[in-house]
Amino acid sequence: MLREQHRITERKPLLKEDGTLAEEGWATDLLLEYDKNKINASWLRFKEWDFYYIIDHKRKHCLTCTIADIGYLGLIAVCWLDFNMKKYVHFETMTLLPRGKTGLLPHSGNGRVSFENNKILMKYNYSLPKRHITIEAPDFRWEEDEWGLTADISLHQDPNLESMVRATSWEKNRKAFYYNQKINCMPAKGTVRLGSKHYEFSHDSAMGGMDWGRGIWTYVNQWYWGTASGYLDGKSIGWNVGYGFTDSTPASENMLFYEGKAHKLDEVTFHLDPKDYMKPWKITSNDGRFEMDFHPLINRLTKVNFLLVKSIQPRLFGYFTGHVVLDNGKKLNVKNFLGIVEDFYNRW
């Protein structure tokens, strides 16, 4: 039986005076106002990040980038993936004890986020509808004699583009919460240079997505996530599916996007072999509206075991094949559609 998911429809502060969420549920825009200065919690528990992926479905390459602050560690990372070569290089740098002062915005709208040290320069400039990402990483090494990564990419976020927004808390601690926005299906254009090699992203074949996350987390969590953005017969299509942290009773984070409009889903289940992530995955749904096989091409595995932090993060890039069903009952079949799945464990 499908459950009733609560939709948030009014703007208000994210938290009540007692530190719990004012309203739990889902929306298609950031209606609840996040103000870190009003949160009475240890800086150890603050978790904030802006993550992007940009995939060119025609040229078969992808860039991901992250600026994250998890209280006792800051993480700035960039990854380049070539699906034809089935190869990736992940490059990251960390800062100790940023304590929530990395400069991430309280919203996903206009503003700037940047980080710079002797290893990397990463800038996010948001002047909507444009999101502009620039990166310089001179120590990034793609091949033996190809050093340095520079990226200059713009994503277009249509003013009417709907997104997945969810505010939920943990059952064992209602003052621990996660406020999240996933923006899919943003056409992307730009260039990436790896040493002397030049790669392009084109609006007609490349799309990107943003994962905007802010919250007060409990210490140990594991989650599953899947996402994709691209074109199907010339029309934009994408999805966000996942589960594993917070109490999802008010709403799941599962949503389809078609031609800029959101289509809310109920529950999904990931079927995979945790002993061999390169085996095919399957994602099924209780409402029959999201049924996908996923065939991995690349496992971008990162691990961290430092002080209080332990993280095991297999993120798989590959092909989705299956079908989705829109709110009006229309069934859409997809085949060999590039996207991402992951099974993350974090003790942080």
C-alpha atoms as a PDB file:
ATOM      1  CA  MET A   1       0.000   0.000   0.000  1.00  0.00           C
ATOM      2  CA  LEU A   2       1.318   3.429  -0.950  1.00  0.00           C
ATOM      3  CA  ARG A   3       1.572   5.968   1.836  1.00  0.00           C
ATOM      4  CA  GLU A   4       0.663   9.624   1.940  1.00  0.00           C
ATOM      5  CA  GLN A   5       3.807  11.756   1.719  1.00  0.00           C
ATOM      6  CA  HIS A   6       3.685  15.202   3.254  1.00  0.00           C
ATOM      7  CA  ARG A   7       4.358  18.094   0.902  1.00  0.00           C
ATOM      8  CA  ILE A   8       5.765  21.373   2.241  1.00  0.00           C
ATOM      9  CA  THR A   9       4.064  24.351   0.582  1.00  0.00           C
ATOM     10  CA  GLU A  10       4.843  27.439   2.685  1.00  0.00           C
ATOM     11  CA  ARG A  11       7.996  29.407   3.396  1.00  0.00           C
ATOM     12  CA  LYS A  12       9.132  29.459   7.010  1.00  0.00           C
ATOM     13  CA  PRO A  13      12.278  28.985   9.133  1.00  0.00           C
ATOM     14  CA  LEU A  14      13.648  25.453   8.921  1.00  0.00           C
ATOM     15  CA  LEU A  15      13.793  24.953  12.698  1.00  0.00           C
ATOM     16  CA  LYS A  16      11.539  25.617  15.659  1.00  0.00           C
ATOM     17  CA  GLU A  17      12.822  27.237  18.842  1.00  0.00           C
ATOM     18  CA  ASP A  18      13.517  23.822  20.383  1.00  0.00           C
ATOM     19  CA  GLY A  19      15.891  22.893  17.526  1.00  0.00           C
ATOM     20  CA  THR A  20      13.611  20.408  15.784  1.00  0.00           C
ATOM     21  CA  LEU A  21      12.374  20.757  12.220  1.00  0.00           C
ATOM     22  CA  ALA A  22       9.413  23.070  11.803  1.00  0.00           C
ATOM     23  CA  GLU A  23       7.982  20.782   9.142  1.00  0.00           C
ATOM     24  CA  GLU A  24       9.139  17.471   7.696  1.00  0.00           C
ATOM     25  CA  GLY A  25       8.394  16.382   4.168  1.00  0.00           C
ATOM     26  CA  TRP A  26       9.177  17.148   0.544  1.00  0.00           C
ATOM     27  CA  ALA A  27       8.968  20.099  -1.822  1.00  0.00           C
ATOM     28  CA  THR A  28      10.195  21.150  -5.253  1.00  0.00           C
ATOM     29  CA  ASP A  29      12.030  24.268  -4.049  1.00  0.00           C
ATOM     30  CA  LEU A  30      13.903  25.431  -0.929  1.00  0.00           C
ATOM     31  CA  LEU A  31      10.929  26.809   0.978  1.00  0.00           C
ATOM     32  CA  LEU A  32      12.356  26.284   4.458  1.00  0.00           C
ATOM     33  CA  GLU A  33      14.998  28.822   5.492  1.00  0.00           C
ATOM     34  CA  TYR A  34      18.282  27.355   6.731  1.00  0.00           C
ATOM     35  CA  ASP A  35      20.160  29.550   9.211  1.00  0.00           C
ATOM     36  CA  LYS A  36      23.243  27.929  10.695  1.00  0.00           C
ATOM     37  CA  ASN A  37      23.595  30.663  13.298  1.00  0.00           C
ATOM     38  CA  LYS A  38      20.337  29.582  14.919  1.00  0.00           C
ATOM     39  CA  ILE A  39      21.368  25.951  15.352  1.00  0.00           C
ATOM     40  CA  ASN A  40      22.377  24.968  18.868  1.00  0.00           C
ATOM     41  CA  ALA A  41      24.641  21.996  18.164  1.00  0.00           C
ATOM     42  CA  SER A  42      28.316  21.088  18.300  1.00  0.00           C
ATOM     43  CA  TRP A  43      30.290  22.049  15.199  1.00  0.00           C
ATOM     44  CA  LEU A  44      31.378  18.395  15.090  1.00  0.00           C
ATOM     45  CA  ARG A  45      27.878  17.461  13.913  1.00  0.00           C
ATOM     46  CA  PHE A  46      27.495  20.069  11.152  1.00  0.00           C
ATOM     47  CA  LYS A  47      27.620  18.564   7.652  1.00  0.00           C
ATOM     48  CA  GLU A  48      27.417  20.805   4.589  1.00  0.00           C
ATOM     49  CA  TRP A  49      28.287  20.269   0.934  1.00  0.00           C
ATOM     50  CA  ASP A  50      27.775  21.338  -2.659  1.00  0.00           C
ATOM     51  CA  PHE A  51      28.417  18.434  -5.049  1.00  0.00           C
ATOM     52  CA  TYR A  52      28.122  18.508  -8.838  1.00  0.00           C
ATOM     53  CA  TYR A  53      28.247  15.947 -11.606  1.00  0.00           C
ATOM     54  CA  ILE A  54      28.316  16.798 -15.312  1.00  0.00           C
ATOM     55  CA  ILE A  55      27.958  13.988 -17.854  1.00  0.00           C
ATOM     56  CA  ASP A  56      28.261  14.318 -21.620  1.00  0.00           C
ATOM     57  CA  HIS A  57      26.220  11.411 -22.989  1.00  0.00           C
ATOM     58  CA  LYS A  58      27.594  11.758 -26.522  1.00  0.00           C
ATOM     59  CA  ARG A  59      31.277  12.184 -25.709  1.00  0.00           C
ATOM     60  CA  LYS A  60      31.158   9.684 -22.810  1.00  0.00           C
ATOM     61  CA  HIS A  61      32.987  11.665 -20.165  1.00  0.00           C
ATOM     62  CA  CYS A  62      32.141  13.135 -16.781  1.00  0.00           C
ATOM     63  CA  LEU A  63      33.383  15.652 -14.235  1.00  0.00           C
ATOM     64  CA  THR A  64      32.425  15.642 -10.567  1.00  0.00           C
ATOM     65  CA  CYS A  65      33.436  18.208  -7.958  1.00  0.00           C
ATOM     66  CA  THR A  66      32.785  18.733  -4.265  1.00  0.00           C
ATOM     67  CA  ILE A  67      33.221  21.417  -1.644  1.00  0.00           C
ATOM     68  CA  ALA A  68      32.286  19.924   1.724  1.00  0.00           C
ATOM     69  CA  ASP A  69      32.592  20.830   5.391  1.00  0.00           C
ATOM     70  CA  ILE A  70      31.869  18.077   7.915  1.00  0.00           C
ATOM     71  CA  GLY A  71      32.973  19.990  10.988  1.00  0.00           C
ATOM     72  CA  TYR A  72      36.291  18.417  11.803  1.00  0.00           C
ATOM     73  CA  LEU A  73      37.339  17.971   8.169  1.00  0.00           C
ATOM     74  CA  GLY A  74      36.927  19.946   4.988  1.00  0.00           C
ATOM     75  CA  LEU A  75      37.002  18.086   1.669  1.00  0.00           C
ATOM     76  CA  ILE A  76      37.574  19.592  -1.756  1.00  0.00           C
ATOM     77  CA  ALA A  77      37.580  17.021  -4.544  1.00  0.00           C
ATOM     78  CA  VAL A  78      37.493  16.731  -8.315  1.00  0.00           C
ATOM     79  CA  CYS A  79      37.166  13.588 -10.414  1.00  0.00           C
ATOM     80  CA  TRP A  80      37.466  13.065 -14.153  1.00  0.00           C
ATOM     81  CA  LEU A  81      35.993   9.962 -15.776  1.00  0.00           C
ATOM     82  CA  ASP A  82      36.356   8.640 -19.317  1.00  0.00           C
ATOM     83  CA  PHE A  83      33.695   6.008 -19.963  1.00  0.00           C
ATOM     84  CA  ASN A  84      35.219   4.818 -23.234  1.00  0.00           C
ATOM     85  CA  MET A  85      38.510   4.097 -21.460  1.00  0.00           C
ATOM     86  CA  LYS A  86      36.723   2.944 -18.275  1.00  0.00           C
ATOM     87  CA  LYS A  87      39.195   5.084 -16.392  1.00  0.00           C
ATOM     88  CA  TYR A  88      38.999   7.747 -13.712  1.00  0.00           C
ATOM     89  CA  VAL A  89      41.309   9.896 -11.612  1.00  0.00           C
ATOM     90  CA  HIS A  90      40.118  11.294  -8.290  1.00  0.00           C
ATOM     91  CA  PHE A  91      42.003  14.195  -6.718  1.00  0.00           C
ATOM     92  CA  GLU A  92      41.250  15.694  -3.326  1.00  0.00           C
ATOM     93  CA  THR A  93      42.634  17.850  -0.571  1.00  0.00           C
ATOM     94  CA  MET A  94      41.507  18.110   3.036  1.00  0.00           C
ATOM     95  CA  THR A  95      41.519  20.781   5.701  1.00  0.00           C
ATOM     96  CA  LEU A  96      41.574  20.107   9.424  1.00  0.00           C
ATOM     97  CA  LEU A  97      38.925  21.541  11.750  1.00  0.00           C
ATOM     98  CA  PRO A  98      37.099  23.933   9.398  1.00  0.00           C
ATOM     99  CA  ARG A  99      34.284  24.001  11.993  1.00  0.00           C
ATOM    100  CA  GLY A 100      31.618  24.954   9.487  1.00  0.00           C
ATOM    101  CA  LYS A 101      33.511  28.013   8.259  1.00  0.00           C
ATOM    102  CA  THR A 102      34.289  26.837   4.719  1.00  0.00           C
ATOM    103  CA  GLY A 103      31.866  29.421   3.357  1.00  0.00           C
ATOM    104  CA  LEU A 104      29.069  27.282   1.969  1.00  0.00           C
ATOM    105  CA  LEU A 105      25.873  29.263   1.447  1.00  0.00           C
ATOM    106  CA  PRO A 106      22.664  28.869   3.482  1.00  0.00           C
ATOM    107  CA  HIS A 107      20.770  28.407   0.208  1.00  0.00           C
ATOM    108  CA  SER A 108      21.375  27.200  -3.342  1.00  0.00           C
ATOM    109  CA  GLY A 109      20.688  30.557  -4.984  1.00  0.00           C
ATOM    110  CA  ASN A 110      22.870  33.483  -6.005  1.00  0.00           C
ATOM    111  CA  GLY A 111      26.266  33.804  -4.378  1.00  0.00           C
ATOM    112  CA  ARG A 112      29.808  32.489  -4.408  1.00  0.00           C
ATOM    113  CA  VAL A 113      31.583  29.548  -2.846  1.00  0.00           C
ATOM    114  CA  SER A 114      35.317  29.085  -3.249  1.00  0.00           C
ATOM    115  CA  PHE A 115      38.323  27.263  -1.876  1.00  0.00           C
ATOM    116  CA  GLU A 116      42.004  27.710  -2.615  1.00  0.00           C
ATOM    117  CA  ASN A 117      45.252  26.217  -1.356  1.00  0.00           C
ATOM    118  CA  ASN A 118      48.518  25.180  -3.006  1.00  0.00           C
ATOM    119  CA  LYS A 119      46.865  22.091  -4.527  1.00  0.00           C
ATOM    120  CA  ILE A 120      43.564  23.280  -5.918  1.00  0.00           C
ATOM    121  CA  LEU A 121      41.416  26.294  -6.705  1.00  0.00           C
ATOM    122  CA  MET A 122      37.679  25.636  -6.949  1.00  0.00           C
ATOM    123  CA  LYS A 123      35.048  28.317  -7.449  1.00  0.00           C
ATOM    124  CA  TYR A 124      31.273  28.102  -7.672  1.00  0.00           C
ATOM    125  CA  ASN A 125      29.676  31.328  -8.904  1.00  0.00           C
ATOM    126  CA  TYR A 126      25.888  31.348  -8.824  1.00  0.00           C
ATOM    127  CA  SER A 127      24.101  34.049 -10.789  1.00  0.00           C
ATOM    128  CA  LEU A 128      20.919  32.249 -11.723  1.00  0.00           C
ATOM    129  CA  PRO A 129      19.972  30.925 -14.157  1.00  0.00           C
ATOM    130  CA  LYS A 130      23.724  30.335 -14.573  1.00  0.00           C
ATOM    131  CA  ARG A 131      25.899  28.202 -12.324  1.00  0.00           C
ATOM    132  CA  HIS A 132      29.567  28.675 -13.194  1.00  0.00           C
ATOM    133  CA  ILE A 133      32.224  26.217 -12.034  1.00  0.00           C
ATOM    134  CA  THR A 134      35.957  26.838 -12.436  1.00  0.00           C
ATOM    135  CA  ILE A 135      38.707  24.540 -11.206  1.00  0.00           C
ATOM    136  CA  GLU A 136      42.492  24.591 -11.326  1.00  0.00           C
ATOM    137  CA  ALA A 137      44.375  21.556 -10.020  1.00  0.00           C
ATOM    138  CA  PRO A 138      48.005  21.621 -11.239  1.00  0.00           C
ATOM    139  CA  ASP A 139      48.916  18.355  -9.486  1.00  0.00           C
ATOM    140  CA  PHE A 140      46.086  16.384 -11.091  1.00  0.00           C
ATOM    141  CA  ARG A 141      47.683  13.605 -13.135  1.00  0.00           C
ATOM    142  CA  TRP A 142      45.626  11.957 -15.859  1.00  0.00           C
ATOM    143  CA  GLU A 143      48.430  10.129 -17.636  1.00  0.00           C
ATOM    144  CA  GLU A 144      52.162   9.679 -17.146  1.00  0.00           C
ATOM    145  CA  ASP A 145      53.017  12.876 -19.001  1.00  0.00           C
ATOM    146  CA  GLU A 146      49.699  14.729 -18.672  1.00  0.00           C
ATOM    147  CA  TRP A 147      49.632  16.924 -15.568  1.00  0.00           C
ATOM    148  CA  GLY A 148      47.128  19.515 -14.474  1.00  0.00           C
ATOM    149  CA  LEU A 149      43.357  19.890 -14.689  1.00  0.00           C
ATOM    150  CA  THR A 150      41.538  23.098 -15.518  1.00  0.00           C
ATOM    151  CA  ALA A 151      37.771  23.253 -15.889  1.00  0.00           C
ATOM    152  CA  ASP A 152      35.383  25.998 -16.944  1.00  0.00           C
ATOM    153  CA  ILE A 153      31.783  24.815 -17.054  1.00  0.00           C
ATOM    154  CA  SER A 154      28.433  26.587 -16.955  1.00  0.00           C
ATOM    155  CA  LEU A 155      25.147  24.950 -16.077  1.00  0.00           C
ATOM    156  CA  HIS A 156      21.790  26.470 -16.957  1.00  0.00           C
ATOM    157  CA  GLN A 157      19.076  26.229 -14.302  1.00  0.00           C
ATOM    158  CA  ASP A 158      15.764  27.212 -15.842  1.00  0.00           C
ATOM    159  CA  PRO A 159      13.775  29.458 -13.452  1.00  0.00           C
ATOM    160  CA  ASN A 160      10.852  27.018 -13.661  1.00  0.00           C
ATOM    161  CA  LEU A 161      12.947  23.890 -13.131  1.00  0.00           C
ATOM    162  CA  GLU A 162      11.584  21.805 -10.264  1.00  0.00           C
ATOM    163  CA  SER A 163      13.915  19.956  -7.910  1.00  0.00           C
ATOM    164  CA  MET A 164      13.832  17.373  -5.134  1.00  0.00           C
ATOM    165  CA  VAL A 165      13.808  18.995  -1.694  1.00  0.00           C
ATOM    166  CA  ARG A 166      13.420  17.062   1.532  1.00  0.00           C
ATOM    167  CA  ALA A 167      13.626  17.913   5.232  1.00  0.00           C
ATOM    168  CA  THR A 168      13.749  14.926   7.588  1.00  0.00           C
ATOM    169  CA  SER A 169      15.163  14.027  10.982  1.00  0.00           C
ATOM    170  CA  TRP A 170      16.524  10.957  12.724  1.00  0.00           C
ATOM    171  CA  GLU A 171      14.078   8.942  14.790  1.00  0.00           C
ATOM    172  CA  LYS A 172      16.565   8.494  17.637  1.00  0.00           C
ATOM    173  CA  ASN A 173      17.351  12.224  17.768  1.00  0.00           C
ATOM    174  CA  ARG A 174      14.835  14.688  16.328  1.00  0.00           C
ATOM    175  CA  LYS A 175      17.333  17.546  16.633  1.00  0.00           C
ATOM    176  CA  ALA A 176      19.532  15.759  14.100  1.00  0.00           C
ATOM    177  CA  PHE A 177      18.269  16.571  10.606  1.00  0.00           C
ATOM    178  CA  TYR A 178      19.167  16.657   6.940  1.00  0.00           C
ATOM    179  CA  TYR A 179      17.921  19.373   4.595  1.00  0.00           C
ATOM    180  CA  ASN A 180      18.639  18.436   1.009  1.00  0.00           C
ATOM    181  CA  GLN A 181      18.049  19.675  -2.514  1.00  0.00           C
ATOM    182  CA  LYS A 182      18.849  17.704  -5.652  1.00  0.00           C
ATOM    183  CA  ILE A 183      18.741  19.776  -8.833  1.00  0.00           C
ATOM    184  CA  ASN A 184      18.744  17.549 -11.927  1.00  0.00           C
ATOM    185  CA  CYS A 185      18.653  18.206 -15.645  1.00  0.00           C
ATOM    186  CA  MET A 186      20.739  21.366 -15.984  1.00  0.00           C
ATOM    187  CA  PRO A 187      22.196  21.630 -19.522  1.00  0.00           C
ATOM    188  CA  ALA A 188      25.967  22.057 -19.338  1.00  0.00           C
ATOM    189  CA  LYS A 189      28.529  23.702 -21.567  1.00  0.00           C
ATOM    190  CA  GLY A 190      32.253  24.155 -21.134  1.00  0.00           C
ATOM    191  CA  THR A 191      35.726  22.721 -21.362  1.00  0.00           C
ATOM    192  CA  VAL A 192      38.120  20.613 -19.342  1.00  0.00           C
ATOM    193  CA  ARG A 193      41.849  20.451 -20.006  1.00  0.00           C
ATOM    194  CA  LEU A 194      43.979  17.575 -18.791  1.00  0.00           C
ATOM    195  CA  GLY A 195      47.558  18.502 -19.533  1.00  0.00           C
ATOM    196  CA  SER A 196      47.638  19.070 -23.286  1.00  0.00           C
ATOM    197  CA  LYS A 197      44.318  17.334 -23.910  1.00  0.00           C
ATOM    198  CA  HIS A 198      41.078  19.214 -24.390  1.00  0.00           C
ATOM    199  CA  TYR A 199      37.554  17.953 -23.691  1.00  0.00           C
ATOM    200  CA  GLU A 200      34.212  19.623 -24.330  1.00  0.00           C
ATOM    201  CA  PHE A 201      30.743  19.572 -22.844  1.00  0.00           C
ATOM    202  CA  SER A 202      27.913  20.626 -25.149  1.00  0.00           C
ATOM    203  CA  HIS A 203      24.384  21.763 -24.236  1.00  0.00           C
ATOM    204  CA  ASP A 204      22.806  19.292 -26.653  1.00  0.00           C
ATOM    205  CA  SER A 205      24.410  16.236 -25.034  1.00  0.00           C
ATOM    206  CA  ALA A 206      25.641  17.230 -21.569  1.00  0.00           C
ATOM    207  CA  MET A 207      23.670  17.716 -18.391  1.00  0.00           C
ATOM    208  CA  GLY A 208      24.564  18.194 -14.788  1.00  0.00           C
ATOM    209  CA  GLY A 209      23.094  17.817 -11.357  1.00  0.00           C
ATOM    210  CA  MET A 210      23.688  19.424  -7.972  1.00  0.00           C
ATOM    211  CA  ASP A 211      23.482  17.835  -4.537  1.00  0.00           C
ATOM    212  CA  TRP A 212      23.007  20.608  -1.957  1.00  0.00           C
ATOM    213  CA  GLY A 213      23.099  19.245   1.570  1.00  0.00           C
ATOM    214  CA  ARG A 214      22.950  20.905   4.990  1.00  0.00           C
ATOM    215  CA  GLY A 215      22.325  19.331   8.351  1.00  0.00           C
ATOM    216  CA  ILE A 216      23.162  18.071  11.805  1.00  0.00           C
ATOM    217  CA  TRP A 217      23.993  14.401  11.447  1.00  0.00           C
ATOM    218  CA  THR A 218      24.243  11.449  13.756  1.00  0.00           C
ATOM    219  CA  TYR A 219      27.641   9.763  13.895  1.00  0.00           C
ATOM    220  CA  VAL A 220      27.218   6.561  11.834  1.00  0.00           C
ATOM    221  CA  ASN A 221      25.181   6.308   8.628  1.00  0.00           C
ATOM    222  CA  GLN A 222      24.904   4.293   5.450  1.00  0.00           C
ATOM    223  CA  TRP A 223      22.890   5.186   2.379  1.00  0.00           C
ATOM    224  CA  TYR A 224      22.100   4.249  -1.208  1.00  0.00           C
ATOM    225  CA  TRP A 225      21.695   6.844  -3.924  1.00  0.00           C
ATOM    226  CA  GLY A 226      21.098   6.906  -7.648  1.00  0.00           C
ATOM    227  CA  THR A 227      20.808   9.795 -10.078  1.00  0.00           C
ATOM    228  CA  ALA A 228      20.891  10.672 -13.754  1.00  0.00           C
ATOM    229  CA  SER A 229      20.220  13.639 -16.032  1.00  0.00           C
ATOM    230  CA  GLY A 230      20.059  13.720 -19.807  1.00  0.00           C
ATOM    231  CA  TYR A 231      17.854  13.673 -22.873  1.00  0.00           C
ATOM    232  CA  LEU A 232      15.329  11.110 -24.060  1.00  0.00           C
ATOM    233  CA  ASP A 233      14.106  11.691 -27.610  1.00  0.00           C
ATOM    234  CA  GLY A 234      15.145  15.324 -27.307  1.00  0.00           C
ATOM    235  CA  LYS A 235      13.367  15.940 -23.999  1.00  0.00           C
ATOM    236  CA  SER A 236      15.038  16.361 -20.623  1.00  0.00           C
ATOM    237  CA  ILE A 237      14.717  13.479 -18.194  1.00  0.00           C
ATOM    238  CA  GLY A 238      16.325  12.594 -14.900  1.00  0.00           C
ATOM    239  CA  TRP A 239      15.768  11.034 -11.507  1.00  0.00           C
ATOM    240  CA  ASN A 240      16.842  10.998  -7.902  1.00  0.00           C
ATOM    241  CA  VAL A 241      16.378   7.824  -5.864  1.00  0.00           C
ATOM    242  CA  GLY A 242      17.779   6.737  -2.538  1.00  0.00           C
ATOM    243  CA  TYR A 243      17.328   5.913   1.131  1.00  0.00           C
ATOM    244  CA  GLY A 244      19.180   4.804   4.242  1.00  0.00           C
ATOM    245  CA  PHE A 245      19.458   7.775   6.612  1.00  0.00           C
ATOM    246  CA  THR A 246      16.912   9.797   8.596  1.00  0.00           C
ATOM    247  CA  ASP A 247      13.317   8.746   9.175  1.00  0.00           C
ATOM    248  CA  SER A 248      11.671   8.672   5.750  1.00  0.00           C
ATOM    249  CA  THR A 249       8.124   8.371   7.129  1.00  0.00           C
ATOM    250  CA  PRO A 250       7.175  11.964   6.112  1.00  0.00           C
ATOM    251  CA  ALA A 251       8.561  11.567   2.589  1.00  0.00           C
ATOM    252  CA  SER A 252      11.065   9.702   0.464  1.00  0.00           C
ATOM    253  CA  GLU A 253      13.642  11.447  -1.712  1.00  0.00           C
ATOM    254  CA  ASN A 254      12.522   9.552  -4.801  1.00  0.00           C
ATOM    255  CA  MET A 255      11.515  11.686  -7.742  1.00  0.00           C
ATOM    256  CA  LEU A 256      11.438  11.731 -11.541  1.00  0.00           C
ATOM    257  CA  PHE A 257      12.078  14.829 -13.628  1.00  0.00           C
ATOM    258  CA  TYR A 258      10.650  15.210 -17.121  1.00  0.00           C
ATOM    259  CA  GLU A 259      10.712  18.419 -19.123  1.00  0.00           C
ATOM    260  CA  GLY A 260      11.435  20.395 -15.962  1.00  0.00           C
ATOM    261  CA  LYS A 261       8.556  19.004 -13.903  1.00  0.00           C
ATOM    262  CA  ALA A 262       8.864  16.788 -10.828  1.00  0.00           C
ATOM    263  CA  HIS A 263       6.976  13.505 -10.465  1.00  0.00           C
ATOM    264  CA  LYS A 264       6.986  12.178  -6.896  1.00  0.00           C
ATOM    265  CA  LEU A 265       7.681   8.499  -6.268  1.00  0.00           C
ATOM    266  CA  ASP A 266       7.187   6.407  -3.140  1.00  0.00           C
ATOM    267  CA  GLU A 267       9.783   3.825  -2.044  1.00  0.00           C
ATOM    268  CA  VAL A 268      12.596   2.138  -3.968  1.00  0.00           C
ATOM    269  CA  THR A 269      14.899  -0.766  -3.113  1.00  0.00           C
ATOM    270  CA  PHE A 270      18.480  -1.248  -4.302  1.00  0.00           C
ATOM    271  CA  HIS A 271      19.543  -4.821  -5.075  1.00  0.00           C
ATOM    272  CA  LEU A 272      23.317  -5.287  -5.303  1.00  0.00           C
ATOM    273  CA  ASP A 273      26.237  -7.479  -4.299  1.00  0.00           C
ATOM    274  CA  PRO A 274      28.300  -5.544  -1.705  1.00  0.00           C
ATOM    275  CA  LYS A 275      31.167  -7.983  -2.275  1.00  0.00           C
ATOM    276  CA  ASP A 276      31.356  -7.082  -5.962  1.00  0.00           C
ATOM    277  CA  TYR A 277      29.988  -3.663  -6.875  1.00  0.00           C
ATOM    278  CA  MET A 278      30.827  -4.212 -10.548  1.00  0.00           C
ATOM    279  CA  LYS A 279      28.102  -6.820 -10.846  1.00  0.00           C
ATOM    280  CA  PRO A 280      24.800  -5.518 -12.231  1.00  0.00           C
ATOM    281  CA  TRP A 281      22.536  -3.646  -9.818  1.00  0.00           C
ATOM    282  CA  LYS A 282      18.756  -3.551  -9.845  1.00  0.00           C
ATOM    283  CA  ILE A 283      16.505  -0.828  -8.446  1.00  0.00           C
ATOM    284  CA  THR A 284      12.829  -1.637  -7.928  1.00  0.00           C
ATOM    285  CA  SER A 285       9.893   0.379  -6.583  1.00  0.00           C
ATOM    286  CA  ASN A 286       6.819  -0.404  -4.517  1.00  0.00           C
ATOM    287  CA  ASP A 287       4.612   1.567  -6.912  1.00  0.00           C
ATOM    288  CA  GLY A 288       6.066   0.075 -10.111  1.00  0.00           C
ATOM    289  CA  ARG A 289       7.064   3.509 -11.369  1.00  0.00           C
ATOM    290  CA  PHE A 290      10.834   3.067 -11.258  1.00  0.00           C
ATOM    291  CA  GLU A 291      12.253  -0.245 -12.477  1.00  0.00           C
ATOM    292  CA  MET A 292      15.884  -0.166 -13.553  1.00  0.00           C
ATOM    293  CA  ASP A 293      18.867  -2.371 -14.198  1.00  0.00           C
ATOM    294  CA  PHE A 294      22.219  -0.686 -13.726  1.00  0.00           C
ATOM    295  CA  HIS A 295      25.385  -1.961 -15.419  1.00  0.00           C
ATOM    296  CA  PRO A 296      28.541  -0.419 -13.918  1.00  0.00           C
ATOM    297  CA  LEU A 297      31.434   0.808 -16.032  1.00  0.00           C
ATOM    298  CA  ILE A 298      33.589   2.400 -13.311  1.00  0.00           C
ATOM    299  CA  ASN A 299      33.767   2.067  -9.540  1.00  0.00           C
ATOM    300  CA  ARG A 300      35.139   5.305  -8.149  1.00  0.00           C
ATOM    301  CA  LEU A 301      36.081   4.051  -4.699  1.00  0.00           C
ATOM    302  CA  THR A 302      37.413   6.383  -2.018  1.00  0.00           C
ATOM    303  CA  LYS A 303      38.255   5.582   1.582  1.00  0.00           C
ATOM    304  CA  VAL A 304      39.095   7.787   4.557  1.00  0.00           C
ATOM    305  CA  ASN A 305      40.205   6.620   7.992  1.00  0.00           C
ATOM    306  CA  PHE A 306      41.466   9.641   9.897  1.00  0.00           C
ATOM    307  CA  LEU A 307      40.890  10.580  13.518  1.00  0.00           C
ATOM    308  CA  LEU A 308      37.137  10.439  14.136  1.00  0.00           C
ATOM    309  CA  VAL A 309      36.291   9.903  10.478  1.00  0.00           C
ATOM    310  CA  LYS A 310      35.913   6.620   8.640  1.00  0.00           C
ATOM    311  CA  SER A 311      34.376   6.647   5.198  1.00  0.00           C
ATOM    312  CA  ILE A 312      33.974   3.954   2.534  1.00  0.00           C
ATOM    313  CA  GLN A 313      32.450   5.383  -0.619  1.00  0.00           C
ATOM    314  CA  PRO A 314      31.974   3.236  -3.722  1.00  0.00           C
ATOM    315  CA  ARG A 315      30.331   5.423  -6.355  1.00  0.00           C
ATOM    316  CA  LEU A 316      29.492   3.570  -9.550  1.00  0.00           C
ATOM    317  CA  PHE A 317      29.130   5.159 -12.967  1.00  0.00           C
ATOM    318  CA  GLY A 318      27.394   3.211 -15.694  1.00  0.00           C
ATOM    319  CA  TYR A 319      24.244   2.574 -17.698  1.00  0.00           C
ATOM    320  CA  PHE A 320      20.614   2.511 -16.593  1.00  0.00           C
ATOM    321  CA  THR A 321      18.165   0.426 -18.607  1.00  0.00           C
ATOM    322  CA  GLY A 322      14.505   0.098 -17.687  1.00  0.00           C
ATOM    323  CA  HIS A 323      11.405   2.248 -17.405  1.00  0.00           C
ATOM    324  CA  VAL A 324       9.774   5.009 -15.382  1.00  0.00           C
ATOM    325  CA  VAL A 325       6.135   6.044 -15.091  1.00  0.00           C
ATOM    326  CA  LEU A 326       5.089   9.701 -14.874  1.00  0.00           C
ATOM    327  CA  ASP A 327       2.268  11.082 -12.713  1.00  0.00           C
ATOM    328  CA  ASN A 328      -0.130  10.901 -15.668  1.00  0.00           C
ATOM    329  CA  GLY A 329       0.593   7.200 -16.171  1.00  0.00           C
ATOM    330  CA  LYS A 330       2.829   7.637 -19.202  1.00  0.00           C
ATOM    331  CA  LYS A 331       5.570   4.995 -19.353  1.00  0.00           C
ATOM    332  CA  LEU A 332       9.014   5.993 -20.602  1.00  0.00           C
ATOM    333  CA  ASN A 333      11.623   3.413 -21.550  1.00  0.00           C
ATOM    334  CA  VAL A 334      15.315   4.204 -21.225  1.00  0.00           C
ATOM    335  CA  LYS A 335      18.229   2.166 -22.506  1.00  0.00           C
ATOM    336  CA  ASN A 336      21.949   2.541 -21.784  1.00  0.00           C
ATOM    337  CA  PHE A 337      21.407   5.878 -20.043  1.00  0.00           C
ATOM    338  CA  LEU A 338      24.513   7.120 -18.216  1.00  0.00           C
ATOM    339  CA  GLY A 339      24.161   7.816 -14.519  1.00  0.00           C
ATOM    340  CA  ILE A 340      25.374   7.165 -10.990  1.00  0.00           C
ATOM    341  CA  VAL A 341      24.642   4.833  -8.080  1.00  0.00           C
ATOM    342  CA  GLU A 342      26.398   4.612  -4.730  1.00  0.00           C
ATOM    343  CA  ASP A 343      26.515   2.732  -1.426  1.00  0.00           C
ATOM    344  CA  PHE A 344      28.193   5.003   1.141  1.00  0.00           C
ATOM    345  CA  TYR A 345      29.201   4.245   4.714  1.00  0.00           C
ATOM    346  CA  ASN A 346      30.234   7.190   6.868  1.00  0.00           C
ATOM    347  CA  ARG A 347      31.318   7.355  10.484  1.00  0.00           C
ATOM    348  CA  TRP A 348      31.705  11.097  10.903  1.00  0.00           C
END
